């Protein structure tokens, strides 16, 4: 199956030269890069969150194998949805799914399901691909969409992907935006709690803060899974790379969305 892009021309440009030019504005040339186990990156339109995403992608080595986990904004498909075959198209070309490893995850994880429906209209995975394609010519990936509120299932899934990737070089990507539609000061205060726990690799405390403070972080499930899995394959700390909100672009700080980027090493 070929999964065509759904937000090209909206979240990022359809035109290849324009898209490359836009992404190039956010890529920083760095000699020393982290060999990260995982990263946390936003998934809004590039004009809003591209600077955060670009700085994170500029900070890490991109391996040949990537797993991208996004939240389920649409409600379609299975609670833990792994797309196991085919390729995803963007204006920059097609990216193949790593079918053997995607199927290995399904085999090892009783709570994950082969599914395409959750992916067809979901943007949170798609918007990561042009950044990766701009930086690295060839790689394979595994797309995952999470909409399972059962913490035990998320833990089982995290442990399963850690088991699959423990002997392989992989980059785990958690796609998330942070606080939605609060004033800038409120968003920054809440988002700092999340980012502090990412730095400490404390997914349980992060979840507690999200629940206690009613933090409207859409991708807490991918982030929770990424932190748990990354620790299982050797990560020891997180580093916040950049934080912004939509008001920094629009000038309207009364109702913002927060965007945070971090590496987990």
C-alpha atoms as a PDB file:
ATOM      1  CA  UNK A   1       0.000   0.000   0.000  1.00  0.00           C
ATOM      2  CA  UNK A   2       1.173   3.505  -0.803  1.00  0.00           C
ATOM      3  CA  UNK A   3       0.042   6.039   1.780  1.00  0.00           C
ATOM      4  CA  UNK A   4      -0.290   9.430   0.097  1.00  0.00           C
ATOM      5  CA  UNK A   5       0.328  12.658   2.040  1.00  0.00           C
ATOM      6  CA  UNK A   6      -2.716  14.356   3.544  1.00  0.00           C
ATOM      7  CA  UNK A   7      -1.278  17.637   4.849  1.00  0.00           C
ATOM      8  CA  UNK A   8       1.089  18.572   2.009  1.00  0.00           C
ATOM      9  CA  UNK A   9       0.019  22.027   0.925  1.00  0.00           C
ATOM     10  CA  UNK A  10      -1.349  22.757   4.414  1.00  0.00           C
ATOM     11  CA  UNK A  11       1.197  21.895   7.115  1.00  0.00           C
ATOM     12  CA  UNK A  12       4.091  22.076   4.660  1.00  0.00           C
ATOM     13  CA  UNK A  13       4.582  22.871   0.983  1.00  0.00           C
ATOM     14  CA  UNK A  14       3.668  20.552  -1.888  1.00  0.00           C
ATOM     15  CA  UNK A  15       6.218  22.166  -4.167  1.00  0.00           C
ATOM     16  CA  UNK A  16       9.564  20.402  -3.757  1.00  0.00           C
ATOM     17  CA  UNK A  17      11.899  23.455  -4.094  1.00  0.00           C
ATOM     18  CA  UNK A  18       9.690  25.490  -1.755  1.00  0.00           C
ATOM     19  CA  UNK A  19       9.572  22.666   0.786  1.00  0.00           C
ATOM     20  CA  UNK A  20      13.335  22.180   0.735  1.00  0.00           C
ATOM     21  CA  UNK A  21      13.893  25.911   1.103  1.00  0.00           C
ATOM     22  CA  UNK A  22      11.473  26.071   4.044  1.00  0.00           C
ATOM     23  CA  UNK A  23      13.076  23.136   5.852  1.00  0.00           C
ATOM     24  CA  UNK A  24      16.579  24.523   5.210  1.00  0.00           C
ATOM     25  CA  UNK A  25      15.664  27.598   7.267  1.00  0.00           C
ATOM     26  CA  UNK A  26      15.259  25.365  10.328  1.00  0.00           C
ATOM     27  CA  UNK A  27      18.278  23.080   9.906  1.00  0.00           C
ATOM     28  CA  UNK A  28      21.360  24.085  11.880  1.00  0.00           C
ATOM     29  CA  UNK A  29      24.765  22.760  10.862  1.00  0.00           C
ATOM     30  CA  UNK A  30      26.270  21.099  13.924  1.00  0.00           C
ATOM     31  CA  UNK A  31      29.517  19.140  13.996  1.00  0.00           C
ATOM     32  CA  UNK A  32      28.792  17.337  17.255  1.00  0.00           C
ATOM     33  CA  UNK A  33      25.540  15.432  17.214  1.00  0.00           C
ATOM     34  CA  UNK A  34      23.882  13.242  19.789  1.00  0.00           C
ATOM     35  CA  UNK A  35      23.569   9.533  19.143  1.00  0.00           C
ATOM     36  CA  UNK A  36      20.080   9.553  20.597  1.00  0.00           C
ATOM     37  CA  UNK A  37      17.886   6.636  21.545  1.00  0.00           C
ATOM     38  CA  UNK A  38      14.782   8.780  21.085  1.00  0.00           C
ATOM     39  CA  UNK A  39      13.588  12.295  20.376  1.00  0.00           C
ATOM     40  CA  UNK A  40      10.459  14.274  21.158  1.00  0.00           C
ATOM     41  CA  UNK A  41       9.304  16.623  18.384  1.00  0.00           C
ATOM     42  CA  UNK A  42       6.157  18.639  17.578  1.00  0.00           C
ATOM     43  CA  UNK A  43       3.837  18.090  14.628  1.00  0.00           C
ATOM     44  CA  UNK A  44       2.112  21.375  13.850  1.00  0.00           C
ATOM     45  CA  UNK A  45       2.407  23.308  10.602  1.00  0.00           C
ATOM     46  CA  UNK A  46       6.048  24.020   9.877  1.00  0.00           C
ATOM     47  CA  UNK A  47       5.570  27.766  10.132  1.00  0.00           C
ATOM     48  CA  UNK A  48       4.663  27.268  13.802  1.00  0.00           C
ATOM     49  CA  UNK A  49       6.640  24.284  15.045  1.00  0.00           C
ATOM     50  CA  UNK A  50       9.258  23.797  12.335  1.00  0.00           C
ATOM     51  CA  UNK A  51      11.939  25.721  14.175  1.00  0.00           C
ATOM     52  CA  UNK A  52      11.681  23.414  17.181  1.00  0.00           C
ATOM     53  CA  UNK A  53      11.557  20.268  15.050  1.00  0.00           C
ATOM     54  CA  UNK A  54      14.432  21.438  12.859  1.00  0.00           C
ATOM     55  CA  UNK A  55      16.711  22.147  15.804  1.00  0.00           C
ATOM     56  CA  UNK A  56      16.039  18.703  17.264  1.00  0.00           C
ATOM     57  CA  UNK A  57      16.675  16.940  13.962  1.00  0.00           C
ATOM     58  CA  UNK A  58      19.833  19.011  13.521  1.00  0.00           C
ATOM     59  CA  UNK A  59      21.088  17.787  16.894  1.00  0.00           C
ATOM     60  CA  UNK A  60      21.003  14.020  16.345  1.00  0.00           C
ATOM     61  CA  UNK A  61      22.506  11.385  14.096  1.00  0.00           C
ATOM     62  CA  UNK A  62      19.791   9.850  11.929  1.00  0.00           C
ATOM     63  CA  UNK A  63      20.203   6.054  11.675  1.00  0.00           C
ATOM     64  CA  UNK A  64      18.904   3.763   8.936  1.00  0.00           C
ATOM     65  CA  UNK A  65      15.991   2.574  11.068  1.00  0.00           C
ATOM     66  CA  UNK A  66      13.346   4.798  12.652  1.00  0.00           C
ATOM     67  CA  UNK A  67      10.088   4.219  14.496  1.00  0.00           C
ATOM     68  CA  UNK A  68       7.704   7.181  14.500  1.00  0.00           C
ATOM     69  CA  UNK A  69       4.882   7.200  17.039  1.00  0.00           C
ATOM     70  CA  UNK A  70       2.104   9.762  16.881  1.00  0.00           C
ATOM     71  CA  UNK A  71      -1.171  10.281  18.728  1.00  0.00           C
ATOM     72  CA  UNK A  72      -4.499   9.394  17.180  1.00  0.00           C
ATOM     73  CA  UNK A  73      -6.277  12.699  16.491  1.00  0.00           C
ATOM     74  CA  UNK A  74      -8.997  11.145  14.329  1.00  0.00           C
ATOM     75  CA  UNK A  75     -10.211   8.238  16.444  1.00  0.00           C
ATOM     76  CA  UNK A  76      -9.972   5.895  13.460  1.00  0.00           C
ATOM     77  CA  UNK A  77      -8.376   2.469  13.558  1.00  0.00           C
ATOM     78  CA  UNK A  78      -7.028   0.350  16.380  1.00  0.00           C
ATOM     79  CA  UNK A  79      -5.836   1.628  19.792  1.00  0.00           C
ATOM     80  CA  UNK A  80      -2.213   0.601  19.128  1.00  0.00           C
ATOM     81  CA  UNK A  81      -1.958   0.690  15.362  1.00  0.00           C
ATOM     82  CA  UNK A  82       1.176  -0.469  13.554  1.00  0.00           C
ATOM     83  CA  UNK A  83       1.271  -0.129   9.777  1.00  0.00           C
ATOM     84  CA  UNK A  84       3.307  -3.104   8.614  1.00  0.00           C
ATOM     85  CA  UNK A  85       3.664  -2.872   4.837  1.00  0.00           C
ATOM     86  CA  UNK A  86       4.023  -0.476   1.951  1.00  0.00           C
ATOM     87  CA  UNK A  87       5.482   3.006   1.777  1.00  0.00           C
ATOM     88  CA  UNK A  88       4.611   6.589   2.636  1.00  0.00           C
ATOM     89  CA  UNK A  89       4.846   9.306  -0.001  1.00  0.00           C
ATOM     90  CA  UNK A  90       5.791  12.937   0.573  1.00  0.00           C
ATOM     91  CA  UNK A  91       6.765  15.583  -1.991  1.00  0.00           C
ATOM     92  CA  UNK A  92      10.381  14.504  -1.349  1.00  0.00           C
ATOM     93  CA  UNK A  93       9.753  10.893  -2.352  1.00  0.00           C
ATOM     94  CA  UNK A  94       8.662   7.569  -0.889  1.00  0.00           C
ATOM     95  CA  UNK A  95       9.811   6.058   2.396  1.00  0.00           C
ATOM     96  CA  UNK A  96       9.492   2.307   2.797  1.00  0.00           C
ATOM     97  CA  UNK A  97       8.074   0.683   5.892  1.00  0.00           C
ATOM     98  CA  UNK A  98      10.461  -1.845   7.439  1.00  0.00           C
ATOM     99  CA  UNK A  99       8.071  -4.757   7.032  1.00  0.00           C
ATOM    100  CA  UNK A 100      10.097  -7.477   8.833  1.00  0.00           C
ATOM    101  CA  UNK A 101      10.563  -5.423  11.982  1.00  0.00           C
ATOM    102  CA  UNK A 102       7.035  -4.029  11.945  1.00  0.00           C
ATOM    103  CA  UNK A 103       5.759  -7.591  11.828  1.00  0.00           C
ATOM    104  CA  UNK A 104       8.179  -8.610  14.561  1.00  0.00           C
ATOM    105  CA  UNK A 105       6.625  -5.968  16.814  1.00  0.00           C
ATOM    106  CA  UNK A 106       3.185  -7.388  16.087  1.00  0.00           C
ATOM    107  CA  UNK A 107       4.442 -10.893  16.837  1.00  0.00           C
ATOM    108  CA  UNK A 108       6.005  -9.904  20.155  1.00  0.00           C
ATOM    109  CA  UNK A 109       3.312  -7.502  21.348  1.00  0.00           C
ATOM    110  CA  UNK A 110      -0.145  -8.895  22.130  1.00  0.00           C
ATOM    111  CA  UNK A 111      -1.710  -5.420  22.418  1.00  0.00           C
ATOM    112  CA  UNK A 112      -0.498  -4.056  19.051  1.00  0.00           C
ATOM    113  CA  UNK A 113      -2.511  -4.556  15.856  1.00  0.00           C
ATOM    114  CA  UNK A 114      -1.718  -4.481  12.149  1.00  0.00           C
ATOM    115  CA  UNK A 115      -3.793  -1.570  10.937  1.00  0.00           C
ATOM    116  CA  UNK A 116      -3.848   1.051   8.205  1.00  0.00           C
ATOM    117  CA  UNK A 117      -7.034   2.949   9.052  1.00  0.00           C
ATOM    118  CA  UNK A 118      -5.533   4.906  11.958  1.00  0.00           C
ATOM    119  CA  UNK A 119      -2.805   6.196   9.633  1.00  0.00           C
ATOM    120  CA  UNK A 120      -4.784   7.329   6.601  1.00  0.00           C
ATOM    121  CA  UNK A 121      -5.884  10.750   7.909  1.00  0.00           C
ATOM    122  CA  UNK A 122      -3.421  11.182  10.783  1.00  0.00           C
ATOM    123  CA  UNK A 123      -0.828  13.946  10.337  1.00  0.00           C
ATOM    124  CA  UNK A 124       1.408  13.486  13.384  1.00  0.00           C
ATOM    125  CA  UNK A 125       3.619  10.836  11.787  1.00  0.00           C
ATOM    126  CA  UNK A 126       3.555  12.299   8.289  1.00  0.00           C
ATOM    127  CA  UNK A 127       4.973  15.709   9.173  1.00  0.00           C
ATOM    128  CA  UNK A 128       8.187  14.136  10.516  1.00  0.00           C
ATOM    129  CA  UNK A 129       9.112  12.497   7.226  1.00  0.00           C
ATOM    130  CA  UNK A 130      10.151  15.541   5.138  1.00  0.00           C
ATOM    131  CA  UNK A 131      12.604  16.611   7.861  1.00  0.00           C
ATOM    132  CA  UNK A 132      14.108  13.135   7.905  1.00  0.00           C
ATOM    133  CA  UNK A 133      14.208  12.950   4.109  1.00  0.00           C
ATOM    134  CA  UNK A 134      15.899  16.347   3.893  1.00  0.00           C
ATOM    135  CA  UNK A 135      18.694  15.187   6.216  1.00  0.00           C
ATOM    136  CA  UNK A 136      19.080  11.528   5.201  1.00  0.00           C
ATOM    137  CA  UNK A 137      18.639  10.109   1.717  1.00  0.00           C
ATOM    138  CA  UNK A 138      17.719   6.568   2.653  1.00  0.00           C
ATOM    139  CA  UNK A 139      16.077   4.997   5.692  1.00  0.00           C
ATOM    140  CA  UNK A 140      13.201   2.714   6.579  1.00  0.00           C
ATOM    141  CA  UNK A 141      10.642   3.330   9.257  1.00  0.00           C
ATOM    142  CA  UNK A 142       7.777   1.896  11.244  1.00  0.00           C
ATOM    143  CA  UNK A 143       4.692   4.111  11.640  1.00  0.00           C
ATOM    144  CA  UNK A 144       2.691   3.764  14.848  1.00  0.00           C
ATOM    145  CA  UNK A 145      -0.451   5.610  15.938  1.00  0.00           C
ATOM    146  CA  UNK A 146      -1.423   5.420  19.609  1.00  0.00           C
ATOM    147  CA  UNK A 147      -4.888   5.947  21.040  1.00  0.00           C
ATOM    148  CA  UNK A 148      -4.861   3.489  23.953  1.00  0.00           C
ATOM    149  CA  UNK A 149      -5.590   4.983  27.379  1.00  0.00           C
ATOM    150  CA  UNK A 150      -4.751   1.710  29.132  1.00  0.00           C
ATOM    151  CA  UNK A 151      -1.376   2.317  30.794  1.00  0.00           C
ATOM    152  CA  UNK A 152      -0.668  -1.381  31.117  1.00  0.00           C
ATOM    153  CA  UNK A 153      -1.053  -1.770  27.356  1.00  0.00           C
ATOM    154  CA  UNK A 154       1.291   1.161  26.706  1.00  0.00           C
ATOM    155  CA  UNK A 155       3.847  -0.409  29.025  1.00  0.00           C
ATOM    156  CA  UNK A 156       3.572  -3.744  27.244  1.00  0.00           C
ATOM    157  CA  UNK A 157       4.014  -2.012  23.902  1.00  0.00           C
ATOM    158  CA  UNK A 158       7.040  -0.035  25.120  1.00  0.00           C
ATOM    159  CA  UNK A 159       8.674  -3.169  26.473  1.00  0.00           C
ATOM    160  CA  UNK A 160       7.958  -5.032  23.240  1.00  0.00           C
ATOM    161  CA  UNK A 161       9.565  -2.434  20.982  1.00  0.00           C
ATOM    162  CA  UNK A 162      12.536  -2.228  23.347  1.00  0.00           C
ATOM    163  CA  UNK A 163      12.913  -5.987  23.008  1.00  0.00           C
ATOM    164  CA  UNK A 164      12.774  -5.777  19.205  1.00  0.00           C
ATOM    165  CA  UNK A 165      15.316  -2.952  19.007  1.00  0.00           C
ATOM    166  CA  UNK A 166      17.693  -3.786  21.870  1.00  0.00           C
ATOM    167  CA  UNK A 167      20.345  -5.151  19.484  1.00  0.00           C
ATOM    168  CA  UNK A 168      19.657  -2.674  16.673  1.00  0.00           C
ATOM    169  CA  UNK A 169      20.489   0.950  16.079  1.00  0.00           C
ATOM    170  CA  UNK A 170      17.170   2.775  16.004  1.00  0.00           C
ATOM    171  CA  UNK A 171      15.786   6.248  16.573  1.00  0.00           C
ATOM    172  CA  UNK A 172      12.451   6.312  18.398  1.00  0.00           C
ATOM    173  CA  UNK A 173      10.458   9.449  17.558  1.00  0.00           C
ATOM    174  CA  UNK A 174       7.615  10.637  19.773  1.00  0.00           C
ATOM    175  CA  UNK A 175       5.450  13.163  17.944  1.00  0.00           C
ATOM    176  CA  UNK A 176       3.578  15.569  20.211  1.00  0.00           C
ATOM    177  CA  UNK A 177       2.494  19.125  20.734  1.00  0.00           C
ATOM    178  CA  UNK A 178       2.207  20.385  24.294  1.00  0.00           C
ATOM    179  CA  UNK A 179      -0.397  22.628  25.945  1.00  0.00           C
ATOM    180  CA  UNK A 180      -3.258  23.672  23.641  1.00  0.00           C
ATOM    181  CA  UNK A 181      -5.146  26.978  23.635  1.00  0.00           C
ATOM    182  CA  UNK A 182      -4.155  28.581  26.917  1.00  0.00           C
ATOM    183  CA  UNK A 183      -2.349  31.860  27.463  1.00  0.00           C
ATOM    184  CA  UNK A 184       1.397  31.815  27.008  1.00  0.00           C
ATOM    185  CA  UNK A 185       2.316  32.032  30.700  1.00  0.00           C
ATOM    186  CA  UNK A 186      -0.014  29.198  31.645  1.00  0.00           C
ATOM    187  CA  UNK A 187       1.212  27.049  28.763  1.00  0.00           C
ATOM    188  CA  UNK A 188       4.860  27.640  29.604  1.00  0.00           C
ATOM    189  CA  UNK A 189       4.329  26.740  33.266  1.00  0.00           C
ATOM    190  CA  UNK A 190       2.528  23.514  32.422  1.00  0.00           C
ATOM    191  CA  UNK A 191       4.879  22.558  29.613  1.00  0.00           C
ATOM    192  CA  UNK A 192       7.922  23.052  31.832  1.00  0.00           C
ATOM    193  CA  UNK A 193       6.581  20.284  34.081  1.00  0.00           C
ATOM    194  CA  UNK A 194       6.389  17.906  31.126  1.00  0.00           C
ATOM    195  CA  UNK A 195       9.815  18.861  29.804  1.00  0.00           C
ATOM    196  CA  UNK A 196      11.435  18.517  33.227  1.00  0.00           C
ATOM    197  CA  UNK A 197      10.157  14.963  33.470  1.00  0.00           C
ATOM    198  CA  UNK A 198      11.361  14.194  29.966  1.00  0.00           C
ATOM    199  CA  UNK A 199      14.808  15.326  31.058  1.00  0.00           C
ATOM    200  CA  UNK A 200      14.585  13.021  34.077  1.00  0.00           C
ATOM    201  CA  UNK A 201      13.210  10.161  31.931  1.00  0.00           C
ATOM    202  CA  UNK A 202      10.333   9.877  34.388  1.00  0.00           C
ATOM    203  CA  UNK A 203       7.315   8.880  32.326  1.00  0.00           C
ATOM    204  CA  UNK A 204       5.235   8.041  35.389  1.00  0.00           C
ATOM    205  CA  UNK A 205       5.712  11.445  37.000  1.00  0.00           C
ATOM    206  CA  UNK A 206       5.095  13.081  33.631  1.00  0.00           C
ATOM    207  CA  UNK A 207       1.754  11.299  33.374  1.00  0.00           C
ATOM    208  CA  UNK A 208       0.875  12.267  36.947  1.00  0.00           C
ATOM    209  CA  UNK A 209       1.579  15.945  36.217  1.00  0.00           C
ATOM    210  CA  UNK A 210      -0.481  15.768  33.017  1.00  0.00           C
ATOM    211  CA  UNK A 211      -3.434  14.350  34.935  1.00  0.00           C
ATOM    212  CA  UNK A 212      -3.085  16.576  38.032  1.00  0.00           C
ATOM    213  CA  UNK A 213      -2.556  19.825  36.087  1.00  0.00           C
ATOM    214  CA  UNK A 214      -4.925  18.974  33.229  1.00  0.00           C
ATOM    215  CA  UNK A 215      -2.191  19.447  30.624  1.00  0.00           C
ATOM    216  CA  UNK A 216      -3.611  19.167  27.108  1.00  0.00           C
ATOM    217  CA  UNK A 217      -0.574  17.427  25.592  1.00  0.00           C
ATOM    218  CA  UNK A 218      -1.906  15.472  22.622  1.00  0.00           C
ATOM    219  CA  UNK A 219       1.033  13.063  22.279  1.00  0.00           C
ATOM    220  CA  UNK A 220       1.510  11.955  25.858  1.00  0.00           C
ATOM    221  CA  UNK A 221       1.087   8.311  24.819  1.00  0.00           C
ATOM    222  CA  UNK A 222       3.954   8.349  22.262  1.00  0.00           C
ATOM    223  CA  UNK A 223       6.121  10.263  24.740  1.00  0.00           C
ATOM    224  CA  UNK A 224       5.316   7.855  27.577  1.00  0.00           C
ATOM    225  CA  UNK A 225       6.165   4.862  25.389  1.00  0.00           C
ATOM    226  CA  UNK A 226       9.328   6.486  24.016  1.00  0.00           C
ATOM    227  CA  UNK A 227      10.686   7.271  27.482  1.00  0.00           C
ATOM    228  CA  UNK A 228      10.027   3.777  28.811  1.00  0.00           C
ATOM    229  CA  UNK A 229      11.422   2.041  25.722  1.00  0.00           C
ATOM    230  CA  UNK A 230      14.477   4.302  25.481  1.00  0.00           C
ATOM    231  CA  UNK A 231      15.421   3.570  29.086  1.00  0.00           C
ATOM    232  CA  UNK A 232      15.132  -0.145  28.383  1.00  0.00           C
ATOM    233  CA  UNK A 233      17.655   0.136  25.540  1.00  0.00           C
ATOM    234  CA  UNK A 234      20.142   2.177  27.532  1.00  0.00           C
ATOM    235  CA  UNK A 235      19.068   5.834  27.664  1.00  0.00           C
ATOM    236  CA  UNK A 236      20.159   7.665  30.811  1.00  0.00           C
ATOM    237  CA  UNK A 237      18.969  11.249  30.393  1.00  0.00           C
ATOM    238  CA  UNK A 238      16.921  13.677  28.364  1.00  0.00           C
ATOM    239  CA  UNK A 239      17.993  17.087  27.097  1.00  0.00           C
ATOM    240  CA  UNK A 240      15.513  19.806  26.148  1.00  0.00           C
ATOM    241  CA  UNK A 241      16.692  21.374  22.897  1.00  0.00           C
ATOM    242  CA  UNK A 242      14.115  24.121  22.329  1.00  0.00           C
ATOM    243  CA  UNK A 243      10.748  25.396  23.493  1.00  0.00           C
ATOM    244  CA  UNK A 244       8.413  27.843  21.733  1.00  0.00           C
ATOM    245  CA  UNK A 245       4.724  28.452  21.366  1.00  0.00           C
ATOM    246  CA  UNK A 246       2.523  29.563  18.492  1.00  0.00           C
ATOM    247  CA  UNK A 247       2.423  33.103  19.842  1.00  0.00           C
ATOM    248  CA  UNK A 248       6.114  33.477  19.025  1.00  0.00           C
ATOM    249  CA  UNK A 249       5.058  33.286  15.373  1.00  0.00           C
ATOM    250  CA  UNK A 250       1.543  34.760  15.335  1.00  0.00           C
ATOM    251  CA  UNK A 251       2.074  37.436  17.989  1.00  0.00           C
ATOM    252  CA  UNK A 252      -1.089  36.315  19.783  1.00  0.00           C
ATOM    253  CA  UNK A 253      -0.119  35.066  23.227  1.00  0.00           C
ATOM    254  CA  UNK A 254      -3.668  34.796  24.567  1.00  0.00           C
ATOM    255  CA  UNK A 255      -4.366  31.355  23.064  1.00  0.00           C
ATOM    256  CA  UNK A 256      -1.246  29.395  22.201  1.00  0.00           C
ATOM    257  CA  UNK A 257      -0.052  25.880  21.495  1.00  0.00           C
ATOM    258  CA  UNK A 258       3.253  24.843  23.066  1.00  0.00           C
ATOM    259  CA  UNK A 259       6.016  23.111  21.126  1.00  0.00           C
ATOM    260  CA  UNK A 260       8.895  21.366  22.857  1.00  0.00           C
ATOM    261  CA  UNK A 261      11.792  19.408  21.446  1.00  0.00           C
ATOM    262  CA  UNK A 262      14.083  17.038  23.330  1.00  0.00           C
ATOM    263  CA  UNK A 263      16.674  14.340  22.772  1.00  0.00           C
ATOM    264  CA  UNK A 264      16.961  11.212  24.907  1.00  0.00           C
ATOM    265  CA  UNK A 265      20.464   9.751  25.096  1.00  0.00           C
END
